[in-house]
Amino acid sequence: MNLLSFLRKNSVNNQMRIFLTDDHAVLIGGLQKIIETEHDLEVVGTAGDVQSTMDALTHTKVDLLITDYNLPDEDGLTLVRKVKRKYPALKILVLSMHDEAHLVKEILKEGVDGYLIKKDSHKELINAIYSIKGGKTYLSSDVNSILIKGLNGEGEQKLLTDREREILKLISKEFTNKQIAEELFISERTVETHRKNIFRKTGTNNLVGLIKYAYANNLI
């Protein structure tokens, strides 16, 4: 019997109560179906943003929160911090499309119990849940590869990713989020997430400060 089979069979709690946070209803529906194929896993609630999640957690007993990083009101990192501050025992699995080493490391520093990339398989998701249920931390093979590359210095030389630099250049030209999205063929929500990351990574909090920093550090 392998470790994951052992954890499935010998989990202390019979039923694991899971809460899903993602603003894509179709994805949430799919996740719920996958999770509830397991008799000892139950989805007890869903939400599409940070505030709705925090509101729901006040009256819903939850063992594991599975959340996306891209959320419409605040990002997943903010949600992780809020949840850990208010519910330190609640386990958190981040399920994200983002595979940048710096972001993965920043989220892991907040004490999450697992990180998966959205392209990971359904089987990997279930394995992650059972590992976390058994008290383990779970990182998918793709996430481990990202972190190993980071340890070797790959992908860590640049403060901003290539995409973030593209967006920064357009911000400096006073493009709106909508215009940037159209220019780069991405969603406005993705642009907003990149914008937040750019401000956080450069340590700036307004457009004037960001542009000054960008020119001073040859980012544009």
C-alpha atoms as a PDB file:
ATOM      1  CA  MET A   1       0.000   0.000   0.000  1.00  0.00           C
ATOM      2  CA  ASN A   2       1.478   3.382  -0.994  1.00  0.00           C
ATOM      3  CA  LEU A   3       1.453   6.468   1.238  1.00  0.00           C
ATOM      4  CA  LEU A   4      -1.589   8.106  -0.359  1.00  0.00           C
ATOM      5  CA  SER A   5      -3.639   4.910  -0.096  1.00  0.00           C
ATOM      6  CA  PHE A   6      -2.620   4.642   3.551  1.00  0.00           C
ATOM      7  CA  LEU A   7      -3.687   8.249   4.200  1.00  0.00           C
ATOM      8  CA  ARG A   8      -7.024   7.620   2.513  1.00  0.00           C
ATOM      9  CA  LYS A   9      -7.684   4.576   4.650  1.00  0.00           C
ATOM     10  CA  ASN A  10      -6.399   5.914   7.949  1.00  0.00           C
ATOM     11  CA  SER A  11      -7.455   9.576   7.993  1.00  0.00           C
ATOM     12  CA  VAL A  12      -8.385  10.640  11.518  1.00  0.00           C
ATOM     13  CA  ASN A  13     -11.558  12.471  10.396  1.00  0.00           C
ATOM     14  CA  ASN A  14     -14.185  10.555   8.468  1.00  0.00           C
ATOM     15  CA  GLN A  15     -15.488  13.466   6.433  1.00  0.00           C
ATOM     16  CA  MET A  16     -13.361  16.358   5.210  1.00  0.00           C
ATOM     17  CA  ARG A  17     -15.361  19.554   4.749  1.00  0.00           C
ATOM     18  CA  ILE A  18     -14.072  21.542   1.766  1.00  0.00           C
ATOM     19  CA  PHE A  19     -14.832  25.110   0.661  1.00  0.00           C
ATOM     20  CA  LEU A  20     -14.137  26.251  -2.923  1.00  0.00           C
ATOM     21  CA  THR A  21     -13.278  29.822  -3.950  1.00  0.00           C
ATOM     22  CA  ASP A  22     -13.111  30.692  -7.642  1.00  0.00           C
ATOM     23  CA  ASP A  23     -15.054  33.188  -9.729  1.00  0.00           C
ATOM     24  CA  HIS A  24     -15.604  30.709 -12.567  1.00  0.00           C
ATOM     25  CA  ALA A  25     -18.865  28.872 -11.838  1.00  0.00           C
ATOM     26  CA  VAL A  26     -18.154  26.138 -14.398  1.00  0.00           C
ATOM     27  CA  LEU A  27     -14.778  25.365 -12.797  1.00  0.00           C
ATOM     28  CA  ILE A  28     -16.299  25.252  -9.313  1.00  0.00           C
ATOM     29  CA  GLY A  29     -18.992  22.867 -10.548  1.00  0.00           C
ATOM     30  CA  GLY A  30     -16.362  20.613 -12.088  1.00  0.00           C
ATOM     31  CA  LEU A  31     -14.200  20.622  -8.962  1.00  0.00           C
ATOM     32  CA  GLN A  32     -17.183  19.794  -6.785  1.00  0.00           C
ATOM     33  CA  LYS A  33     -18.065  16.765  -8.934  1.00  0.00           C
ATOM     34  CA  ILE A  34     -14.470  15.510  -8.864  1.00  0.00           C
ATOM     35  CA  ILE A  35     -14.128  15.940  -5.109  1.00  0.00           C
ATOM     36  CA  GLU A  36     -17.455  14.396  -4.202  1.00  0.00           C
ATOM     37  CA  THR A  37     -16.667  11.170  -6.072  1.00  0.00           C
ATOM     38  CA  GLU A  38     -14.726  10.392  -2.884  1.00  0.00           C
ATOM     39  CA  HIS A  39     -17.115   9.261  -0.129  1.00  0.00           C
ATOM     40  CA  ASP A  40     -15.189  10.986   2.675  1.00  0.00           C
ATOM     41  CA  LEU A  41     -14.862  14.389   0.986  1.00  0.00           C
ATOM     42  CA  GLU A  42     -17.689  16.937   1.017  1.00  0.00           C
ATOM     43  CA  VAL A  43     -17.955  20.406  -0.532  1.00  0.00           C
ATOM     44  CA  VAL A  44     -19.795  22.473   2.083  1.00  0.00           C
ATOM     45  CA  GLY A  45     -19.750  25.826   0.286  1.00  0.00           C
ATOM     46  CA  THR A  46     -18.486  27.918  -2.608  1.00  0.00           C
ATOM     47  CA  ALA A  47     -17.734  31.587  -3.248  1.00  0.00           C
ATOM     48  CA  GLY A  48     -16.468  33.761  -6.070  1.00  0.00           C
ATOM     49  CA  ASP A  49     -14.418  36.358  -4.206  1.00  0.00           C
ATOM     50  CA  VAL A  50     -12.494  37.108  -1.022  1.00  0.00           C
ATOM     51  CA  GLN A  51     -15.247  38.930   0.878  1.00  0.00           C
ATOM     52  CA  SER A  52     -17.873  36.265   0.182  1.00  0.00           C
ATOM     53  CA  THR A  53     -15.428  33.599   1.334  1.00  0.00           C
ATOM     54  CA  MET A  54     -14.666  35.389   4.604  1.00  0.00           C
ATOM     55  CA  ASP A  55     -18.384  35.924   5.213  1.00  0.00           C
ATOM     56  CA  ALA A  56     -19.165  32.249   4.589  1.00  0.00           C
ATOM     57  CA  LEU A  57     -16.392  31.011   6.868  1.00  0.00           C
ATOM     58  CA  THR A  58     -17.986  32.778   9.845  1.00  0.00           C
ATOM     59  CA  HIS A  59     -20.916  30.352   9.788  1.00  0.00           C
ATOM     60  CA  THR A  60     -19.615  27.308   7.880  1.00  0.00           C
ATOM     61  CA  LYS A  61     -17.418  24.634   9.467  1.00  0.00           C
ATOM     62  CA  VAL A  62     -14.557  24.033   7.018  1.00  0.00           C
ATOM     63  CA  ASP A  63     -11.470  21.796   7.142  1.00  0.00           C
ATOM     64  CA  LEU A  64      -9.902  22.770   3.806  1.00  0.00           C
ATOM     65  CA  LEU A  65     -10.177  25.889   1.655  1.00  0.00           C
ATOM     66  CA  ILE A  66      -9.275  25.449  -2.021  1.00  0.00           C
ATOM     67  CA  THR A  67      -8.796  28.829  -3.682  1.00  0.00           C
ATOM     68  CA  ASP A  68      -7.701  30.336  -6.962  1.00  0.00           C
ATOM     69  CA  TYR A  69      -5.126  33.153  -6.990  1.00  0.00           C
ATOM     70  CA  ASN A  70      -7.029  35.366  -9.458  1.00  0.00           C
ATOM     71  CA  LEU A  71     -10.111  36.754  -7.717  1.00  0.00           C
ATOM     72  CA  PRO A  72     -12.180  39.796  -8.699  1.00  0.00           C
ATOM     73  CA  ASP A  73     -11.977  41.849  -5.493  1.00  0.00           C
ATOM     74  CA  GLU A  74      -8.566  40.943  -4.009  1.00  0.00           C
ATOM     75  CA  ASP A  75      -5.989  38.314  -4.903  1.00  0.00           C
ATOM     76  CA  GLY A  76      -5.624  34.832  -3.453  1.00  0.00           C
ATOM     77  CA  LEU A  77      -2.582  35.818  -1.433  1.00  0.00           C
ATOM     78  CA  THR A  78      -4.685  38.397   0.420  1.00  0.00           C
ATOM     79  CA  LEU A  79      -7.321  35.730   1.078  1.00  0.00           C
ATOM     80  CA  VAL A  80      -4.681  33.327   2.419  1.00  0.00           C
ATOM     81  CA  ARG A  81      -3.378  35.990   4.807  1.00  0.00           C
ATOM     82  CA  LYS A  82      -6.860  36.887   6.050  1.00  0.00           C
ATOM     83  CA  VAL A  83      -7.837  33.262   6.580  1.00  0.00           C
ATOM     84  CA  LYS A  84      -4.581  32.360   8.346  1.00  0.00           C
ATOM     85  CA  ARG A  85      -4.962  35.362  10.635  1.00  0.00           C
ATOM     86  CA  LYS A  86      -8.568  34.566  11.587  1.00  0.00           C
ATOM     87  CA  TYR A  87      -8.592  30.751  11.254  1.00  0.00           C
ATOM     88  CA  PRO A  88      -4.996  29.557  11.795  1.00  0.00           C
ATOM     89  CA  ALA A  89      -6.000  25.886  11.912  1.00  0.00           C
ATOM     90  CA  LEU A  90      -7.845  25.966   8.568  1.00  0.00           C
ATOM     91  CA  LYS A  91      -5.899  24.182   5.851  1.00  0.00           C
ATOM     92  CA  ILE A  92      -5.478  25.901   2.463  1.00  0.00           C
ATOM     93  CA  LEU A  93      -4.757  24.519  -1.006  1.00  0.00           C
ATOM     94  CA  VAL A  94      -4.023  27.058  -3.751  1.00  0.00           C
ATOM     95  CA  LEU A  95      -5.120  25.988  -7.229  1.00  0.00           C
ATOM     96  CA  SER A  96      -3.807  28.522  -9.727  1.00  0.00           C
ATOM     97  CA  MET A  97      -2.809  29.112 -13.332  1.00  0.00           C
ATOM     98  CA  HIS A  98       0.227  31.065 -12.093  1.00  0.00           C
ATOM     99  CA  ASP A  99       3.536  29.193 -12.235  1.00  0.00           C
ATOM    100  CA  GLU A 100       6.011  32.006 -11.520  1.00  0.00           C
ATOM    101  CA  ALA A 101       8.603  30.883  -8.938  1.00  0.00           C
ATOM    102  CA  HIS A 102       8.535  34.164  -7.006  1.00  0.00           C
ATOM    103  CA  LEU A 103       4.749  34.014  -6.606  1.00  0.00           C
ATOM    104  CA  VAL A 104       4.697  30.348  -5.599  1.00  0.00           C
ATOM    105  CA  LYS A 105       7.357  31.027  -2.947  1.00  0.00           C
ATOM    106  CA  GLU A 106       5.527  34.095  -1.661  1.00  0.00           C
ATOM    107  CA  ILE A 107       2.324  32.095  -1.200  1.00  0.00           C
ATOM    108  CA  LEU A 108       4.113  29.157   0.406  1.00  0.00           C
ATOM    109  CA  LYS A 109       5.697  31.532   2.931  1.00  0.00           C
ATOM    110  CA  GLU A 110       2.196  32.301   4.207  1.00  0.00           C
ATOM    111  CA  GLY A 111       1.848  28.717   5.413  1.00  0.00           C
ATOM    112  CA  VAL A 112      -0.466  27.171   2.824  1.00  0.00           C
ATOM    113  CA  ASP A 113      -0.731  23.399   2.842  1.00  0.00           C
ATOM    114  CA  GLY A 114      -0.511  22.826  -0.888  1.00  0.00           C
ATOM    115  CA  TYR A 115      -0.095  24.403  -4.310  1.00  0.00           C
ATOM    116  CA  LEU A 116      -1.325  23.017  -7.628  1.00  0.00           C
ATOM    117  CA  ILE A 117      -1.247  24.401 -11.152  1.00  0.00           C
ATOM    118  CA  LYS A 118      -4.644  24.333 -12.879  1.00  0.00           C
ATOM    119  CA  LYS A 119      -3.252  22.155 -15.657  1.00  0.00           C
ATOM    120  CA  ASP A 120      -2.473  19.412 -13.107  1.00  0.00           C
ATOM    121  CA  SER A 121      -4.627  16.292 -13.364  1.00  0.00           C
ATOM    122  CA  HIS A 122      -7.806  15.493 -11.439  1.00  0.00           C
ATOM    123  CA  LYS A 123      -5.922  12.617  -9.815  1.00  0.00           C
ATOM    124  CA  GLU A 124      -3.281  15.028  -8.561  1.00  0.00           C
ATOM    125  CA  LEU A 125      -5.989  17.197  -6.995  1.00  0.00           C
ATOM    126  CA  ILE A 126      -7.410  14.237  -5.068  1.00  0.00           C
ATOM    127  CA  ASN A 127      -3.908  13.154  -4.035  1.00  0.00           C
ATOM    128  CA  ALA A 128      -3.248  16.671  -2.751  1.00  0.00           C
ATOM    129  CA  ILE A 129      -6.446  16.711  -0.713  1.00  0.00           C
ATOM    130  CA  TYR A 130      -5.708  13.366   0.917  1.00  0.00           C
ATOM    131  CA  SER A 131      -2.105  14.345   1.659  1.00  0.00           C
ATOM    132  CA  ILE A 132      -3.302  17.542   3.327  1.00  0.00           C
ATOM    133  CA  LYS A 133      -5.991  15.588   5.182  1.00  0.00           C
ATOM    134  CA  GLY A 134      -3.218  13.364   6.516  1.00  0.00           C
ATOM    135  CA  GLY A 135      -1.240  16.349   7.805  1.00  0.00           C
ATOM    136  CA  LYS A 136       1.182  16.606   4.894  1.00  0.00           C
ATOM    137  CA  THR A 137       2.087  19.532   2.644  1.00  0.00           C
ATOM    138  CA  TYR A 138       1.512  18.819  -1.042  1.00  0.00           C
ATOM    139  CA  LEU A 139       3.216  20.395  -4.040  1.00  0.00           C
ATOM    140  CA  SER A 140       2.560  19.024  -7.504  1.00  0.00           C
ATOM    141  CA  SER A 141       5.482  17.805  -9.597  1.00  0.00           C
ATOM    142  CA  ASP A 142       5.203  20.938 -11.763  1.00  0.00           C
ATOM    143  CA  VAL A 143       5.408  23.198  -8.699  1.00  0.00           C
ATOM    144  CA  ASN A 144       8.415  21.276  -7.405  1.00  0.00           C
ATOM    145  CA  SER A 145      10.137  21.774 -10.769  1.00  0.00           C
ATOM    146  CA  ILE A 146       9.424  25.508 -10.622  1.00  0.00           C
ATOM    147  CA  LEU A 147      10.956  25.762  -7.153  1.00  0.00           C
ATOM    148  CA  ILE A 148      14.005  23.709  -8.112  1.00  0.00           C
ATOM    149  CA  LYS A 149      14.631  25.984 -11.095  1.00  0.00           C
ATOM    150  CA  GLY A 150      14.371  28.917  -8.710  1.00  0.00           C
ATOM    151  CA  LEU A 151      16.990  27.366  -6.425  1.00  0.00           C
ATOM    152  CA  ASN A 152      19.280  27.057  -9.436  1.00  0.00           C
ATOM    153  CA  GLY A 153      18.780  30.725 -10.184  1.00  0.00           C
ATOM    154  CA  GLU A 154      16.601  30.163 -13.240  1.00  0.00           C
ATOM    155  CA  GLY A 155      13.784  32.638 -13.635  1.00  0.00           C
ATOM    156  CA  GLU A 156      14.902  34.644 -10.612  1.00  0.00           C
ATOM    157  CA  GLN A 157      17.140  37.264 -12.175  1.00  0.00           C
ATOM    158  CA  LYS A 158      14.302  39.547 -13.235  1.00  0.00           C
ATOM    159  CA  LEU A 159      12.203  41.462 -10.762  1.00  0.00           C
ATOM    160  CA  LEU A 160       9.280  41.351 -13.204  1.00  0.00           C
ATOM    161  CA  THR A 161       8.241  38.595 -15.583  1.00  0.00           C
ATOM    162  CA  ASP A 162       8.251  39.289 -19.316  1.00  0.00           C
ATOM    163  CA  ARG A 163       4.466  39.654 -19.258  1.00  0.00           C
ATOM    164  CA  GLU A 164       4.626  42.085 -16.342  1.00  0.00           C
ATOM    165  CA  ARG A 165       7.198  44.174 -18.195  1.00  0.00           C
ATOM    166  CA  GLU A 166       4.928  44.257 -21.223  1.00  0.00           C
ATOM    167  CA  ILE A 167       2.067  45.467 -19.081  1.00  0.00           C
ATOM    168  CA  LEU A 168       4.277  47.993 -17.291  1.00  0.00           C
ATOM    169  CA  LYS A 169       5.269  49.524 -20.643  1.00  0.00           C
ATOM    170  CA  LEU A 170       1.614  49.910 -21.576  1.00  0.00           C
ATOM    171  CA  ILE A 171       0.782  51.361 -18.149  1.00  0.00           C
ATOM    172  CA  SER A 172       3.514  53.952 -18.706  1.00  0.00           C
ATOM    173  CA  LYS A 173       1.761  54.880 -21.967  1.00  0.00           C
ATOM    174  CA  GLU A 174      -1.437  55.464 -19.940  1.00  0.00           C
ATOM    175  CA  PHE A 175      -3.283  52.479 -21.385  1.00  0.00           C
ATOM    176  CA  THR A 176      -6.364  51.441 -19.378  1.00  0.00           C
ATOM    177  CA  ASN A 177      -6.813  47.849 -18.197  1.00  0.00           C
ATOM    178  CA  LYS A 178      -9.298  47.303 -21.030  1.00  0.00           C
ATOM    179  CA  GLN A 179      -6.861  48.626 -23.623  1.00  0.00           C
ATOM    180  CA  ILE A 180      -4.036  46.501 -22.238  1.00  0.00           C
ATOM    181  CA  ALA A 181      -6.269  43.423 -22.311  1.00  0.00           C
ATOM    182  CA  GLU A 182      -7.157  44.077 -25.954  1.00  0.00           C
ATOM    183  CA  GLU A 183      -3.531  44.749 -26.883  1.00  0.00           C
ATOM    184  CA  LEU A 184      -2.232  41.540 -25.282  1.00  0.00           C
ATOM    185  CA  PHE A 185      -5.284  39.332 -25.927  1.00  0.00           C
ATOM    186  CA  ILE A 186      -5.854  38.586 -22.229  1.00  0.00           C
ATOM    187  CA  SER A 187      -8.729  39.306 -19.848  1.00  0.00           C
ATOM    188  CA  GLU A 188      -9.078  42.539 -17.871  1.00  0.00           C
ATOM    189  CA  ARG A 189      -9.042  40.467 -14.692  1.00  0.00           C
ATOM    190  CA  THR A 190      -5.653  39.021 -15.636  1.00  0.00           C
ATOM    191  CA  VAL A 191      -4.358  42.527 -16.344  1.00  0.00           C
ATOM    192  CA  GLU A 192      -5.562  43.675 -12.911  1.00  0.00           C
ATOM    193  CA  THR A 193      -3.793  40.746 -11.240  1.00  0.00           C
ATOM    194  CA  HIS A 194      -0.545  41.564 -13.054  1.00  0.00           C
ATOM    195  CA  ARG A 195      -0.947  45.235 -12.128  1.00  0.00           C
ATOM    196  CA  LYS A 196      -1.283  44.352  -8.431  1.00  0.00           C
ATOM    197  CA  ASN A 197       1.789  42.115  -8.654  1.00  0.00           C
ATOM    198  CA  ILE A 198       3.798  44.888 -10.329  1.00  0.00           C
ATOM    199  CA  PHE A 199       2.952  47.384  -7.591  1.00  0.00           C
ATOM    200  CA  ARG A 200       3.717  44.847  -4.862  1.00  0.00           C
ATOM    201  CA  LYS A 201       7.037  43.712  -6.343  1.00  0.00           C
ATOM    202  CA  THR A 202       8.257  47.250  -7.007  1.00  0.00           C
ATOM    203  CA  GLY A 203       7.153  48.468  -3.573  1.00  0.00           C
ATOM    204  CA  THR A 204       5.155  51.347  -5.086  1.00  0.00           C
ATOM    205  CA  ASN A 205       1.546  52.322  -4.416  1.00  0.00           C
ATOM    206  CA  ASN A 206       0.678  54.861  -7.097  1.00  0.00           C
ATOM    207  CA  LEU A 207       1.263  55.403 -10.800  1.00  0.00           C
ATOM    208  CA  VAL A 208       3.758  58.257 -10.421  1.00  0.00           C
ATOM    209  CA  GLY A 209       5.892  56.227  -8.013  1.00  0.00           C
ATOM    210  CA  LEU A 210       5.710  53.184 -10.265  1.00  0.00           C
ATOM    211  CA  ILE A 211       6.854  55.079 -13.361  1.00  0.00           C
ATOM    212  CA  LYS A 212       9.726  56.710 -11.462  1.00  0.00           C
ATOM    213  CA  TYR A 213      10.811  53.316 -10.145  1.00  0.00           C
ATOM    214  CA  ALA A 214      10.529  51.730 -13.598  1.00  0.00           C
ATOM    215  CA  TYR A 215      12.753  54.333 -15.258  1.00  0.00           C
ATOM    216  CA  ALA A 216      15.264  54.299 -12.395  1.00  0.00           C
ATOM    217  CA  ASN A 217      15.615  50.523 -12.629  1.00  0.00           C
ATOM    218  CA  ASN A 218      15.520  50.218 -16.437  1.00  0.00           C
ATOM    219  CA  LEU A 219      12.267  48.282 -16.419  1.00  0.00           C
ATOM    220  CA  ILE A 220      10.876  50.234 -19.371  1.00  0.00           C
END
